[in-house]
Protein backbone atom coordinates (compact mmCIF):
# COMPACT_ATOMS: atom_id res chain seq x y z
CA MET A 1 -6.73 -14.82 -16.91
CA LYS A 2 -6.64 -18.33 -15.42
CA LYS A 3 -4.00 -17.17 -12.93
CA ILE A 4 -6.08 -14.15 -11.93
CA PHE A 5 -9.19 -16.36 -11.52
CA ALA A 6 -7.20 -18.73 -9.32
CA LEU A 7 -6.04 -15.89 -7.11
CA LEU A 8 -9.54 -14.46 -6.76
CA LEU A 9 -10.90 -17.92 -5.94
CA ALA A 10 -8.24 -18.32 -3.24
CA GLY A 11 -9.23 -14.93 -1.79
CA ALA A 12 -12.87 -16.00 -1.70
CA MET A 13 -11.93 -19.17 0.22
CA ILE A 14 -10.05 -17.17 2.83
CA MET A 15 -12.93 -14.66 3.17
CA GLY A 16 -15.18 -17.60 3.93
CA LEU A 17 -13.10 -18.36 7.00
CA ALA A 18 -13.55 -14.82 8.30
CA GLY A 19 -17.17 -15.41 9.25
CA CYS A 20 -16.42 -18.07 11.86
CA GLU A 21 -17.12 -16.88 15.38
CA GLN A 22 -14.89 -19.53 16.98
CA LEU A 23 -11.61 -20.83 15.67
CA SER A 24 -9.73 -23.76 17.16
CA ASN A 25 -6.00 -24.37 17.09
CA VAL A 26 -6.37 -26.54 14.01
CA GLU A 27 -4.04 -25.92 11.09
CA LEU A 28 -5.85 -23.75 8.57
CA PRO A 29 -5.38 -24.48 4.88
CA PRO A 30 -2.54 -22.33 3.51
CA LEU A 31 -2.95 -20.01 0.59
CA PRO A 32 -2.09 -21.58 -2.75
CA THR A 33 1.56 -21.52 -3.70
CA VAL A 34 2.22 -19.46 -6.81
CA THR A 35 5.39 -20.09 -8.75
CA PRO A 36 6.38 -17.14 -10.95
CA GLU A 37 7.20 -18.07 -14.52
CA THR A 38 10.85 -18.03 -15.49
CA VAL A 39 11.70 -15.42 -18.09
CA GLU A 40 14.66 -16.24 -20.26
CA ALA A 41 17.29 -13.53 -20.53
CA SER A 42 17.61 -11.92 -23.91
CA ALA A 43 20.82 -12.30 -25.87
CA SER A 44 23.54 -9.75 -25.18
CA PRO A 45 23.96 -7.11 -27.90
CA SER A 46 26.96 -7.30 -30.19
CA PRO A 47 29.91 -5.35 -28.75
CA THR A 48 30.33 -3.62 -32.11
CA ALA A 49 26.73 -2.44 -32.31
CA GLU A 50 26.13 1.20 -31.45
CA PRO A 51 23.78 1.68 -28.48
CA THR A 52 20.36 3.04 -29.34
CA GLU A 53 18.08 4.89 -26.96
CA GLU A 54 15.08 2.75 -26.14
CA PRO A 55 11.67 4.43 -26.01
CA VAL A 56 9.94 4.54 -22.63
CA GLN A 57 7.64 1.52 -22.35
CA GLU A 58 4.35 2.14 -20.61
CA ALA A 59 1.29 0.18 -19.57
CA SER A 60 -1.13 -0.77 -22.34
CA GLY A 61 -4.04 1.14 -20.84
CA THR A 62 -5.73 2.24 -17.64
CA VAL A 63 -4.32 0.67 -14.46
CA THR A 64 -6.67 0.01 -11.54
CA VAL A 65 -6.02 -1.42 -8.08
CA ASN A 66 -8.96 -2.73 -6.07
CA VAL A 67 -7.92 -3.62 -2.51
CA LYS A 68 -9.65 -6.55 -0.79
CA ARG A 69 -9.36 -7.09 2.97
CA THR A 70 -9.30 -10.54 4.58
CA THR A 71 -10.08 -10.66 8.31
CA GLN A 72 -10.01 -13.60 10.73
CA GLN A 73 -10.81 -13.52 14.43
CA ALA A 74 -10.16 -16.19 17.05
CA TYR A 75 -11.78 -16.58 20.46
CA ASP A 76 -10.55 -18.15 23.67
CA PRO A 77 -10.27 -21.97 23.78
CA GLN A 78 -12.16 -22.12 27.10
CA ASN A 79 -15.67 -20.95 26.19
CA GLY A 80 -15.27 -19.04 22.95
CA THR A 81 -16.50 -15.65 24.21
CA GLN A 82 -13.27 -13.65 24.63
CA LEU A 83 -11.67 -12.30 21.46
CA ILE A 84 -7.97 -13.18 21.64
CA LEU A 85 -6.73 -12.56 18.08
CA SER A 86 -7.51 -10.25 15.20
CA PHE A 87 -5.63 -11.11 12.00
CA SER A 88 -6.13 -9.20 8.76
CA TYR A 89 -4.37 -8.30 5.55
CA ASP A 90 -5.03 -6.32 2.38
CA THR A 91 -4.74 -7.86 -1.08
CA PRO A 92 -4.38 -5.37 -3.95
CA VAL A 93 -5.89 -6.80 -7.14
CA VAL A 94 -4.36 -5.18 -10.23
CA TYR A 95 -6.07 -4.85 -13.61
CA ILE A 96 -4.46 -3.28 -16.68
CA GLU A 97 -6.57 -2.57 -19.74
CA GLY A 98 -4.96 -4.49 -22.60
CA GLY A 99 -2.16 -5.72 -20.33
CA ASP A 100 -3.30 -9.05 -18.91
CA GLU A 101 0.20 -10.57 -18.78
CA THR A 102 1.67 -7.58 -16.95
CA ALA A 103 -1.20 -7.57 -14.44
CA ALA A 104 -0.83 -11.33 -13.93
CA ALA A 105 2.89 -10.94 -13.13
CA ILE A 106 2.11 -8.32 -10.46
CA ASN A 107 -0.79 -10.31 -9.02
CA GLU A 108 1.41 -13.41 -8.75
CA ARG A 109 3.93 -11.44 -6.72
CA VAL A 110 1.12 -10.14 -4.51
CA ALA A 111 -0.06 -13.74 -3.97
CA LEU A 112 3.43 -14.71 -2.78
CA MET A 113 3.45 -11.79 -0.33
CA ASP A 114 0.04 -12.85 1.01
CA GLU A 115 1.19 -16.43 1.39
CA ALA A 116 4.33 -15.42 3.28
CA TYR A 117 2.31 -13.19 5.60
CA TYR A 118 -0.43 -15.76 6.23
CA THR A 119 1.69 -18.88 6.68
CA GLY A 120 4.83 -17.38 8.23
CA ASN A 121 6.94 -19.27 5.68
CA GLU A 122 9.65 -17.55 3.68
CA TYR A 123 9.08 -16.92 -0.02
CA ASP A 124 11.74 -15.13 -2.03
CA GLY A 125 12.97 -13.21 1.02
CA MET A 126 9.44 -12.37 2.23
CA GLN A 127 8.20 -13.65 5.57
CA GLY A 128 5.47 -12.89 8.10
CA THR A 129 4.58 -14.10 11.59
CA GLY A 130 1.78 -16.30 10.26
CA TYR A 131 -1.77 -16.87 11.46
CA ASN A 132 -1.13 -20.15 13.28
CA ASN A 133 1.90 -18.74 15.09
CA MET A 134 -0.12 -15.72 16.22
CA LEU A 135 -2.96 -18.00 17.33
CA THR A 136 -0.58 -20.12 19.41
CA MET A 137 0.80 -17.02 21.15
CA ALA A 138 -2.71 -15.69 21.78
CA GLU A 139 -3.94 -18.96 23.29
CA ASP A 140 -0.82 -19.32 25.46
CA ASN A 141 -1.31 -15.74 26.68
CA TYR A 142 -4.97 -16.44 27.51
CA ARG A 143 -4.12 -19.60 29.46
CA TYR A 144 -1.42 -17.73 31.39
CA VAL A 145 -3.89 -15.03 32.47
CA VAL A 146 -6.55 -17.60 33.46
CA GLU A 147 -4.17 -19.88 35.37
CA THR A 148 -2.25 -17.14 37.21
CA GLY A 149 -5.02 -14.59 37.67
CA ALA A 150 -2.73 -11.91 36.29
CA GLU A 151 -4.33 -8.47 36.07
CA GLY A 152 -3.77 -5.76 33.51
CA VAL A 153 -2.58 -8.18 30.82
CA PRO A 154 -4.28 -7.52 27.45
CA LEU A 155 -6.01 -10.62 26.14
CA GLU A 156 -6.31 -9.60 22.49
CA MET A 157 -3.36 -9.82 20.13
CA ALA A 158 -3.36 -8.37 16.65
CA SER A 159 -1.61 -8.69 13.32
CA GLU A 160 -2.63 -6.32 10.55
CA ARG A 161 -1.26 -5.56 7.10
CA SER A 162 -2.56 -2.59 5.14
CA VAL A 163 -1.59 -1.44 1.65
CA SER A 164 -1.36 2.02 0.13
CA VAL A 165 -0.66 3.11 -3.46
CA PRO A 166 1.77 6.07 -3.37
CA ARG A 167 2.20 6.11 -7.16
CA ILE A 168 0.08 4.82 -10.03
CA ASP A 169 0.55 5.97 -13.62
CA SER A 170 1.41 4.46 -17.01
CA ARG A 171 5.01 3.65 -16.01
CA VAL A 172 5.16 2.64 -12.35
CA LEU A 173 2.85 1.09 -9.77
CA THR A 174 3.99 1.36 -6.15
CA LEU A 175 2.54 -0.78 -3.38
CA LEU A 176 3.55 0.21 0.15
CA TYR A 177 2.86 -2.45 2.80
CA ASN A 178 2.42 -1.36 6.42
CA ASP A 179 2.58 -4.22 8.97
CA TYR A 180 1.41 -3.79 12.55
CA MET A 181 1.67 -6.46 15.26
CA TYR A 182 0.70 -6.43 18.92
CA THR A 183 1.67 -9.34 21.17
CA GLY A 184 1.52 -7.55 24.54
CA GLY A 185 3.42 -4.79 26.27
CA ALA A 186 3.09 -1.02 26.16
CA HIS A 187 2.70 -0.82 22.39
CA GLY A 188 2.85 -2.83 19.22
CA SER A 189 5.46 -2.79 16.48
CA TYR A 190 5.16 -1.73 12.87
CA GLY A 191 7.19 -1.50 9.71
CA TYR A 192 7.03 -0.72 5.99
CA GLU A 193 7.98 -2.58 2.83
CA GLY A 194 7.97 -0.82 -0.53
CA TYR A 195 7.46 -2.57 -3.89
CA CYS A 196 7.64 -0.76 -7.23
CA PHE A 197 6.54 -2.51 -10.43
CA ASP A 198 7.55 -1.68 -14.00
CA LEU A 199 4.26 -1.48 -15.89
CA SER A 200 5.87 -2.37 -19.22
CA ASP A 201 6.11 -6.02 -18.11
CA GLY A 202 5.20 -6.23 -14.40
CA HIS A 203 8.64 -7.01 -12.97
CA LEU A 204 9.75 -5.74 -9.57
CA ILE A 205 12.07 -2.74 -9.98
CA THR A 206 15.41 -2.87 -8.15
CA LEU A 207 17.65 -0.04 -7.02
CA GLN A 208 20.39 -1.22 -9.37
CA GLU A 209 18.26 -0.64 -12.47
CA LEU A 210 17.32 2.93 -11.62
CA SER A 211 20.53 4.14 -13.24
CA SER A 212 23.23 2.82 -15.55
CA ASP A 213 25.72 4.25 -13.02
CA TYR A 214 24.39 2.97 -9.71
CA GLU A 215 27.49 3.85 -7.68
CA SER A 216 27.09 7.51 -8.60
CA LEU A 217 23.36 7.33 -7.85
CA ALA A 218 23.98 5.76 -4.43
CA ALA A 219 26.50 8.48 -3.57
CA PHE A 220 24.03 11.18 -4.65
CA LEU A 221 21.16 9.68 -2.60
CA THR A 222 23.33 9.37 0.50
CA ASP A 223 24.59 12.94 0.17
CA TYR A 224 21.03 14.20 -0.32
CA MET A 225 19.82 12.46 2.84
CA VAL A 226 22.75 13.89 4.82
CA GLN A 227 21.91 17.40 3.56
CA LEU A 228 18.27 16.94 4.57
CA VAL A 229 19.31 16.09 8.13
CA GLU A 230 21.92 18.83 8.41
CA SER A 231 19.53 21.50 7.09
CA ASP A 232 16.48 20.49 9.17
CA GLU A 233 16.90 20.81 12.94
CA GLU A 234 13.59 19.04 13.67
CA LEU A 235 14.60 16.11 11.47
CA ALA A 236 18.05 15.95 13.09
CA LEU A 237 16.45 15.69 16.54
CA ARG A 238 14.66 12.52 15.44
CA ILE A 239 17.96 10.82 14.60
CA ASP A 240 19.61 8.88 17.44
CA THR A 241 23.15 10.29 17.28
CA SER A 242 24.36 7.69 19.80
CA LEU A 243 24.28 5.25 16.87
CA LEU A 244 26.96 7.25 15.07
CA PRO A 245 30.43 5.71 15.33
CA GLU A 246 32.92 8.08 16.93
CA GLY A 247 34.33 10.55 14.44
CA SER A 248 31.82 9.67 11.70
CA GLY A 249 28.98 11.60 10.11
CA TYR A 250 25.36 10.87 9.22
CA ALA A 251 26.40 9.05 6.05
CA GLU A 252 27.59 6.16 8.22
CA ILE A 253 24.04 5.26 9.28
CA LEU A 254 22.13 6.57 6.25
CA SER A 255 23.96 4.79 3.43
CA PRO A 256 22.85 1.30 4.66
CA LEU A 257 19.24 2.38 4.02
CA LEU A 258 19.85 1.97 0.28
CA ARG A 259 18.48 -1.56 0.05
CA GLU A 260 15.52 -3.36 -1.45
CA GLY A 261 12.25 -2.95 0.41
CA SER A 262 13.35 0.28 2.12
CA TRP A 263 12.59 2.60 -0.79
CA TYR A 264 9.73 3.37 -3.15
CA PHE A 265 8.57 5.80 -5.80
CA GLY A 266 5.98 8.12 -4.26
CA SER A 267 3.86 10.87 -5.75
CA ASP A 268 6.54 13.52 -5.14
CA GLY A 269 9.78 11.61 -5.47
CA LEU A 270 11.86 8.66 -4.34
CA VAL A 271 11.31 7.84 -0.65
CA ILE A 272 13.94 6.09 1.51
CA PHE A 273 13.15 4.88 5.02
CA PRO A 274 14.71 2.79 7.82
CA ASP A 275 13.28 -0.02 9.92
CA LEU A 276 11.74 0.85 13.27
CA TYR A 277 14.49 1.59 15.85
CA GLU A 278 17.19 1.49 13.15
CA ILE A 279 18.17 5.16 13.34
CA SER A 280 15.65 6.57 15.82
CA SER A 281 13.54 5.76 18.87
CA TYR A 282 10.00 4.35 18.79
CA ALA A 283 8.64 7.76 19.80
CA ALA A 284 10.42 9.40 16.86
CA GLY A 285 8.71 7.03 14.43
CA ILE A 286 10.02 5.92 11.07
CA VAL A 287 11.89 8.76 9.38
CA GLU A 288 11.26 9.21 5.66
CA PHE A 289 13.69 10.89 3.30
CA VAL A 290 12.02 12.26 0.15
CA ILE A 291 14.21 13.06 -2.86
CA PRO A 292 12.03 15.06 -5.30
CA TYR A 293 11.82 13.96 -8.93
CA ASP A 294 13.25 17.33 -10.03
CA ALA A 295 16.39 16.60 -7.98
CA LEU A 296 16.56 13.06 -9.37
CA ALA A 297 16.63 14.25 -12.99
CA GLY A 298 19.99 13.30 -14.48
CA HIS A 299 20.65 10.77 -11.71
CA ILE A 300 18.02 8.16 -12.57
CA ASP A 301 16.81 7.08 -16.00
CA ASP A 302 14.08 9.27 -17.45
CA LYS A 303 11.68 6.33 -17.68
CA TRP A 304 11.24 6.37 -13.90
CA ILE A 305 10.32 10.05 -13.67
CA PRO A 306 6.53 10.52 -13.99
CA ALA A 307 5.10 12.71 -16.69
CA ALA A 308 3.45 15.92 -15.53
CA ALA A 309 -0.28 15.61 -14.85
CA GLN A 310 -2.40 16.71 -17.80
CA GLY A 311 -6.02 17.68 -18.29
CA SER A 312 -8.34 20.11 -16.54
CA GLY A 313 -10.98 17.57 -15.55
CA SER A 314 -12.76 17.36 -12.21
CA LEU A 315 -14.53 14.78 -10.06
CA GLU A 316 -18.24 14.76 -9.29
CA LEU A 317 -20.38 12.57 -7.03
CA VAL A 318 -23.55 11.42 -8.78
CA LYS A 319 -26.28 9.64 -6.84
CA ALA A 320 -27.36 6.21 -8.02
CA GLU A 321 -30.85 7.36 -9.05
CA ASN A 322 -29.32 9.95 -11.36
CA MET A 323 -27.12 7.47 -13.28
CA VAL A 324 -29.85 6.12 -15.50
CA ASP A 325 -28.99 6.95 -19.11
CA GLY A 326 -26.01 4.57 -19.40
CA SER A 327 -23.89 7.08 -21.31
CA THR A 328 -21.01 7.08 -18.79
CA PRO A 329 -18.74 3.99 -18.86
CA ILE A 330 -18.35 2.30 -15.45
CA ILE A 331 -14.77 1.06 -15.07
CA ASP A 332 -15.02 -0.70 -11.69
CA LYS A 333 -17.01 -1.14 -8.47
CA LEU A 334 -15.84 -0.44 -4.92
CA VAL A 335 -17.74 -1.88 -1.96
CA THR A 336 -16.62 -0.98 1.58
CA GLY A 337 -19.86 -1.97 3.32
CA GLN A 338 -22.93 -3.82 2.06
CA ASP A 339 -25.23 -1.48 4.00
CA GLY A 340 -23.64 1.65 2.60
CA ALA A 341 -25.03 4.23 0.23
CA GLU A 342 -24.62 3.64 -3.50
CA PHE A 343 -23.20 6.46 -5.64
CA TYR A 344 -20.83 7.11 -8.53
CA LEU A 345 -17.57 9.07 -8.69
CA VAL A 346 -17.61 10.54 -12.19
CA ALA A 347 -14.60 12.07 -13.94
CA ARG A 348 -15.73 15.09 -15.95
CA GLY A 349 -12.93 15.39 -18.47
CA SER A 350 -9.46 13.93 -17.84
CA ILE A 351 -7.95 13.33 -14.39
CA SER A 352 -5.17 11.03 -13.16
CA SER A 353 -4.08 9.14 -10.04
CA LEU A 354 -7.58 8.90 -8.58
CA THR A 355 -7.32 7.25 -5.15
CA VAL A 356 -9.97 6.38 -2.57
CA THR A 357 -8.41 6.13 0.90
CA ALA A 358 -9.67 5.18 4.36
CA GLY A 359 -8.28 7.22 7.23
CA ASP A 360 -8.35 8.24 10.87
CA TYR A 361 -8.24 11.52 12.75
CA ALA A 362 -6.00 13.12 15.31
CA ASP A 363 -5.23 16.74 14.50
CA LYS A 364 -5.95 16.13 10.80
CA PHE A 365 -6.95 13.38 8.37
CA TYR A 366 -4.34 10.59 8.38
CA PRO A 367 -4.64 8.06 5.52
CA SER A 368 -4.47 4.48 6.77
CA SER A 369 -5.04 2.27 3.71
CA THR A 370 -5.96 2.52 0.06
CA LEU A 371 -9.35 1.16 -1.00
CA TRP A 372 -9.15 1.78 -4.74
CA SER A 373 -6.85 3.55 -7.16
CA CYS A 374 -6.70 4.29 -10.88
CA SER A 375 -3.99 5.69 -13.15
CA ALA A 376 -6.33 7.88 -15.24
CA MET A 377 -10.00 8.47 -16.04
CA THR A 378 -11.68 10.45 -18.80
CA ASP A 379 -15.48 10.85 -18.71
CA GLU A 380 -15.73 7.56 -16.81
CA ALA A 381 -17.14 6.54 -13.45
CA LEU A 382 -16.41 4.37 -10.42
CA GLN A 383 -19.46 2.75 -8.87
CA ALA A 384 -19.22 2.79 -5.06
CA VAL A 385 -21.13 1.41 -2.09
CA CYS A 386 -19.82 3.00 1.11
CA PRO A 387 -21.29 3.73 4.56
CA LEU A 388 -21.75 7.43 5.19
CA PRO A 389 -19.86 8.91 8.16
CA GLU A 390 -21.65 9.39 11.47
CA GLY A 391 -19.18 12.03 12.58
CA MET A 392 -15.95 12.99 10.85
CA PRO A 393 -15.49 11.81 7.24
CA GLU A 394 -13.65 8.49 7.02
CA ILE A 395 -12.91 8.35 3.30
CA GLN A 396 -10.71 10.71 1.27
CA ILE A 397 -10.82 10.90 -2.52
CA SER A 398 -7.83 12.49 -4.23
CA TYR A 399 -6.90 13.05 -7.88
CA LEU A 400 -4.51 15.02 -10.07
CA ASN A 401 -5.00 17.36 -13.00
CA ALA A 402 -2.89 20.11 -14.55
CA ASP A 403 -3.64 22.35 -11.54
CA GLY A 404 -2.16 19.86 -9.05
CA GLU A 405 -3.62 17.56 -6.39
CA HIS A 406 -7.23 17.82 -5.23
CA ARG A 407 -8.55 16.23 -2.03
CA LEU A 408 -12.22 15.63 -1.29
CA TYR A 409 -14.03 13.79 1.50
CA LEU A 410 -17.12 11.60 1.52
CA SER A 411 -19.76 13.32 3.62
CA ILE A 412 -23.52 13.69 4.03
CA GLY A 413 -25.40 16.32 2.05
CA GLU A 414 -28.27 18.47 3.25
CA ASP A 415 -30.72 15.91 1.91
CA GLY A 416 -29.10 13.13 3.96
CA GLY A 417 -27.52 11.51 0.90
CA PRO A 418 -23.84 11.11 -0.07
CA ALA A 419 -21.88 14.23 -0.98
CA LEU A 420 -18.29 15.40 -1.49
CA THR A 421 -16.70 18.20 0.47
CA ASP A 422 -13.27 19.79 0.27
CA THR A 423 -13.16 20.45 4.02
CA VAL A 424 -12.96 18.00 6.92
CA GLU A 425 -15.98 18.67 9.12
CA ALA A 426 -18.04 16.61 11.54
CA VAL A 427 -21.41 15.41 10.27
CA GLY A 428 -24.59 15.45 12.36
């Protein structure tokens, strides 16, 4: 608990910096360094002992992830009126009922990722551009425009990290980091990093431990990706075939994708993805290869395959004035805007993988970042304070039960108060 308190205190200090309207080129205090505890390896079993099948270890209780956003803005060094840098990142705070040590291990890893992103220093293979480095580039860019009178040069640079939760249950928690950076030019750059945590103890899962026969698993995954490309003409068009060595097949460029950070457990299966430009153009985007859990059966250990969703529960929005009897346990509170409407998302019966997601629109609702997620709820509620949409809904709420996935959207009811709808429609 002391470690969690320290991390929350550090987050509060950083949030305090976000309110400054003008920031100079002074070194900002770095996030606190967190040193993970060393876990001693257990003794090797006797070679004469017969192997016994270990039961699947799961989290002690309900797993929740509450995502906090830290935002800093810097203005020009000349008169402090022109915004030149927006820098933000999401911090997922994990809580496990009855599993404080497991949650602490995950939160320590998250703290290291935040520190690497904020400072630009390398921690255990993780590294970001860093706030001060971005500020230096932004100020240099501003001075160049002022001194040369250059036209059409954007003055605002940006660095943003958002987090989504593709999988949350009693066995695995997946955090998918999406980094976007703009330092000038026609467009910015972006990339993903996937992190999967074993909820029995909080350690970061590696590809090697997915199967006792990793070589066979790697061959299967490569073959599956090749089959996906060869059987999907649209997918094949997104692959830059000029990258293929002469006389070779897709396996030549797809097998290197089997590496840490470029895979994660999603809701439907194991997802493998390349870096931007690695196998396709910027316009083609980052290609994702999804290997369904049904196809993975027999190739990865059963402990990594999620149990089928159970229960026939549903989700209901209850207005704050109607939550007065105190009979429904409140498991957490989500605040996305202090001036928002207060309401409660109440699970009637049992549901799982409840996720509240912010999103944007083009031709449909595109999730951008997770706000809150929970492994399971039974006759419990999430207290929420969220602004109501002025046009199209901006928040999606999804959950699972035995019937499959359900998606709802925060909207405005006929009485002007908060409501849930299963269709995406403009309000007002």
